[in-house]
Amino acid sequence: MREAAQNVMTLGEPRPRLDELTDSLRGNVRQLVPALQTLINAQPAGDVPAAVAQVGIDEAWRRLHTPRGFGPDAAYQHARKLALSVQSLCDHYENLRRPSTTAS
């Protein structure tokens, strides 16, 4: 997932395989959102990392369902925003998967 996101972020001109990479990123968001929701629901009420992850989910979902616009630059910008969301969701997933380091 991170590799596909990084590929979009480093594309030069012309942008080969942009449609293929965008479809892959869309699939990544669709996979990450329910996995993150499960982790968020397992956190205690008021958990700050879970709240931040929810904001990331909301933003990724908005980007997923926003039309890309017209022209090749709009397609690239849309893919780039999806790539940023995938990177962010991966970070949130890893953060919430870590065992808590707070003392009880």
C-alpha atoms as a PDB file:
ATOM      1  CA  MET A   1       0.000   0.000   0.000  1.00  0.00           C
ATOM      2  CA  ARG A   2       2.729   2.407   0.930  1.00  0.00           C
ATOM      3  CA  GLU A   3       4.593   1.501  -2.248  1.00  0.00           C
ATOM      4  CA  ALA A   4       1.604   2.357  -4.462  1.00  0.00           C
ATOM      5  CA  ALA A   5       1.207   5.664  -2.626  1.00  0.00           C
ATOM      6  CA  GLN A   6       4.890   6.439  -3.013  1.00  0.00           C
ATOM      7  CA  ASN A   7       4.735   5.588  -6.720  1.00  0.00           C
ATOM      8  CA  VAL A   8       2.050   8.219  -7.234  1.00  0.00           C
ATOM      9  CA  MET A   9       3.940  10.810  -5.205  1.00  0.00           C
ATOM     10  CA  THR A  10       7.069  10.377  -7.339  1.00  0.00           C
ATOM     11  CA  LEU A  11       5.463  10.238 -10.787  1.00  0.00           C
ATOM     12  CA  GLY A  12       7.037  12.518 -13.343  1.00  0.00           C
ATOM     13  CA  GLU A  13       5.809  13.637 -16.742  1.00  0.00           C
ATOM     14  CA  PRO A  14       4.212  11.856 -18.516  1.00  0.00           C
ATOM     15  CA  ARG A  15       2.285   9.986 -15.865  1.00  0.00           C
ATOM     16  CA  PRO A  16       2.129   6.371 -17.017  1.00  0.00           C
ATOM     17  CA  ARG A  17      -0.198   3.961 -15.240  1.00  0.00           C
ATOM     18  CA  LEU A  18      -1.933   6.777 -13.331  1.00  0.00           C
ATOM     19  CA  ASP A  19      -5.385   5.214 -13.731  1.00  0.00           C
ATOM     20  CA  GLU A  20      -4.076   1.838 -12.555  1.00  0.00           C
ATOM     21  CA  LEU A  21      -2.347   3.384  -9.536  1.00  0.00           C
ATOM     22  CA  THR A  22      -5.430   5.449  -8.674  1.00  0.00           C
ATOM     23  CA  ASP A  23      -7.621   2.338  -8.755  1.00  0.00           C
ATOM     24  CA  SER A  24      -5.135   0.595  -6.473  1.00  0.00           C
ATOM     25  CA  LEU A  25      -5.193   3.510  -4.012  1.00  0.00           C
ATOM     26  CA  ARG A  26      -8.987   3.544  -4.020  1.00  0.00           C
ATOM     27  CA  GLY A  27      -8.938  -0.160  -3.135  1.00  0.00           C
ATOM     28  CA  ASN A  28      -6.402   0.512  -0.381  1.00  0.00           C
ATOM     29  CA  VAL A  29      -8.655   3.147   1.193  1.00  0.00           C
ATOM     30  CA  ARG A  30     -11.595   0.726   1.025  1.00  0.00           C
ATOM     31  CA  GLN A  31      -9.509  -1.891   2.859  1.00  0.00           C
ATOM     32  CA  LEU A  32      -7.965   0.389   5.445  1.00  0.00           C
ATOM     33  CA  VAL A  33     -11.127   2.191   6.551  1.00  0.00           C
ATOM     34  CA  PRO A  34     -12.952  -0.858   8.008  1.00  0.00           C
ATOM     35  CA  ALA A  35      -9.728  -2.203   9.534  1.00  0.00           C
ATOM     36  CA  LEU A  36      -9.118   1.132  11.235  1.00  0.00           C
ATOM     37  CA  GLN A  37     -12.759   1.380  12.363  1.00  0.00           C
ATOM     38  CA  THR A  38     -12.346  -1.960  14.115  1.00  0.00           C
ATOM     39  CA  LEU A  39      -9.214  -0.716  15.893  1.00  0.00           C
ATOM     40  CA  ILE A  40     -10.871   2.582  16.827  1.00  0.00           C
ATOM     41  CA  ASN A  41     -13.901   0.774  18.276  1.00  0.00           C
ATOM     42  CA  ALA A  42     -11.566  -1.319  20.448  1.00  0.00           C
ATOM     43  CA  GLN A  43     -10.036   1.796  22.053  1.00  0.00           C
ATOM     44  CA  PRO A  44     -11.361   3.323  25.268  1.00  0.00           C
ATOM     45  CA  ALA A  45     -13.662   6.328  25.030  1.00  0.00           C
ATOM     46  CA  GLY A  46     -11.730   9.563  24.661  1.00  0.00           C
ATOM     47  CA  ASP A  47      -8.624   7.912  23.234  1.00  0.00           C
ATOM     48  CA  VAL A  48      -6.784  10.698  21.393  1.00  0.00           C
ATOM     49  CA  PRO A  49      -4.981   8.546  18.776  1.00  0.00           C
ATOM     50  CA  ALA A  50      -8.330   6.910  17.930  1.00  0.00           C
ATOM     51  CA  ALA A  51      -9.968  10.320  17.536  1.00  0.00           C
ATOM     52  CA  VAL A  52      -7.168  11.493  15.258  1.00  0.00           C
ATOM     53  CA  ALA A  53      -7.460   8.299  13.220  1.00  0.00           C
ATOM     54  CA  GLN A  54     -11.197   8.951  12.815  1.00  0.00           C
ATOM     55  CA  VAL A  55     -10.417  12.362  11.338  1.00  0.00           C
ATOM     56  CA  GLY A  56      -8.040  10.655   8.899  1.00  0.00           C
ATOM     57  CA  ILE A  57     -10.764   8.172   7.952  1.00  0.00           C
ATOM     58  CA  ASP A  58     -13.253  10.962   7.350  1.00  0.00           C
ATOM     59  CA  GLU A  59     -10.792  12.811   5.117  1.00  0.00           C
ATOM     60  CA  ALA A  60      -9.852   9.677   3.176  1.00  0.00           C
ATOM     61  CA  TRP A  61     -13.514   8.801   2.664  1.00  0.00           C
ATOM     62  CA  ARG A  62     -14.222  12.322   1.418  1.00  0.00           C
ATOM     63  CA  ARG A  63     -11.310  12.101  -1.024  1.00  0.00           C
ATOM     64  CA  LEU A  64     -12.458   8.687  -2.190  1.00  0.00           C
ATOM     65  CA  HIS A  65     -15.889  10.023  -3.085  1.00  0.00           C
ATOM     66  CA  THR A  66     -14.850  13.389  -4.526  1.00  0.00           C
ATOM     67  CA  PRO A  67     -14.869  13.547  -8.343  1.00  0.00           C
ATOM     68  CA  ARG A  68     -11.396  14.032  -9.737  1.00  0.00           C
ATOM     69  CA  GLY A  69     -12.095  16.997 -12.001  1.00  0.00           C
ATOM     70  CA  PHE A  70     -11.123  17.424 -15.644  1.00  0.00           C
ATOM     71  CA  GLY A  71      -7.797  16.982 -17.368  1.00  0.00           C
ATOM     72  CA  PRO A  72      -4.575  15.126 -16.647  1.00  0.00           C
ATOM     73  CA  ASP A  73      -3.422  17.503 -13.912  1.00  0.00           C
ATOM     74  CA  ALA A  74      -6.711  17.107 -12.031  1.00  0.00           C
ATOM     75  CA  ALA A  75      -6.383  13.324 -12.308  1.00  0.00           C
ATOM     76  CA  TYR A  76      -2.865  13.501 -10.898  1.00  0.00           C
ATOM     77  CA  GLN A  77      -3.879  15.815  -8.037  1.00  0.00           C
ATOM     78  CA  HIS A  78      -6.755  13.483  -7.157  1.00  0.00           C
ATOM     79  CA  ALA A  79      -4.407  10.470  -7.147  1.00  0.00           C
ATOM     80  CA  ARG A  80      -1.889  12.403  -5.064  1.00  0.00           C
ATOM     81  CA  LYS A  81      -4.512  13.225  -2.426  1.00  0.00           C
ATOM     82  CA  LEU A  82      -5.570   9.575  -2.302  1.00  0.00           C
ATOM     83  CA  ALA A  83      -1.898   8.623  -1.902  1.00  0.00           C
ATOM     84  CA  LEU A  84      -1.556  11.017   1.032  1.00  0.00           C
ATOM     85  CA  SER A  85      -4.648   9.474   2.616  1.00  0.00           C
ATOM     86  CA  VAL A  86      -3.307   5.940   2.161  1.00  0.00           C
ATOM     87  CA  GLN A  87      -0.018   6.932   3.797  1.00  0.00           C
ATOM     88  CA  SER A  88      -1.895   8.588   6.651  1.00  0.00           C
ATOM     89  CA  LEU A  89      -4.244   5.645   7.176  1.00  0.00           C
ATOM     90  CA  CYS A  90      -1.277   3.250   7.233  1.00  0.00           C
ATOM     91  CA  ASP A  91       0.352   5.415   9.915  1.00  0.00           C
ATOM     92  CA  HIS A  92      -2.844   5.471  11.990  1.00  0.00           C
ATOM     93  CA  TYR A  93      -3.238   1.703  11.606  1.00  0.00           C
ATOM     94  CA  GLU A  94       0.310   1.081  12.817  1.00  0.00           C
ATOM     95  CA  ASN A  95      -0.125   3.540  15.679  1.00  0.00           C
ATOM     96  CA  LEU A  96      -3.330   1.915  16.926  1.00  0.00           C
ATOM     97  CA  ARG A  97      -1.881  -1.596  16.564  1.00  0.00           C
ATOM     98  CA  ARG A  98       0.978  -0.804  18.951  1.00  0.00           C
ATOM     99  CA  PRO A  99       0.486  -2.023  22.488  1.00  0.00           C
ATOM    100  CA  SER A 100      -0.196   0.746  24.966  1.00  0.00           C
ATOM    101  CA  THR A 101       2.905   1.958  26.783  1.00  0.00           C
ATOM    102  CA  THR A 102       1.036   3.750  29.551  1.00  0.00           C
ATOM    103  CA  ALA A 103       1.334   2.328  33.051  1.00  0.00           C
ATOM    104  CA  SER A 104      -1.826   1.088  34.743  1.00  0.00           C
END
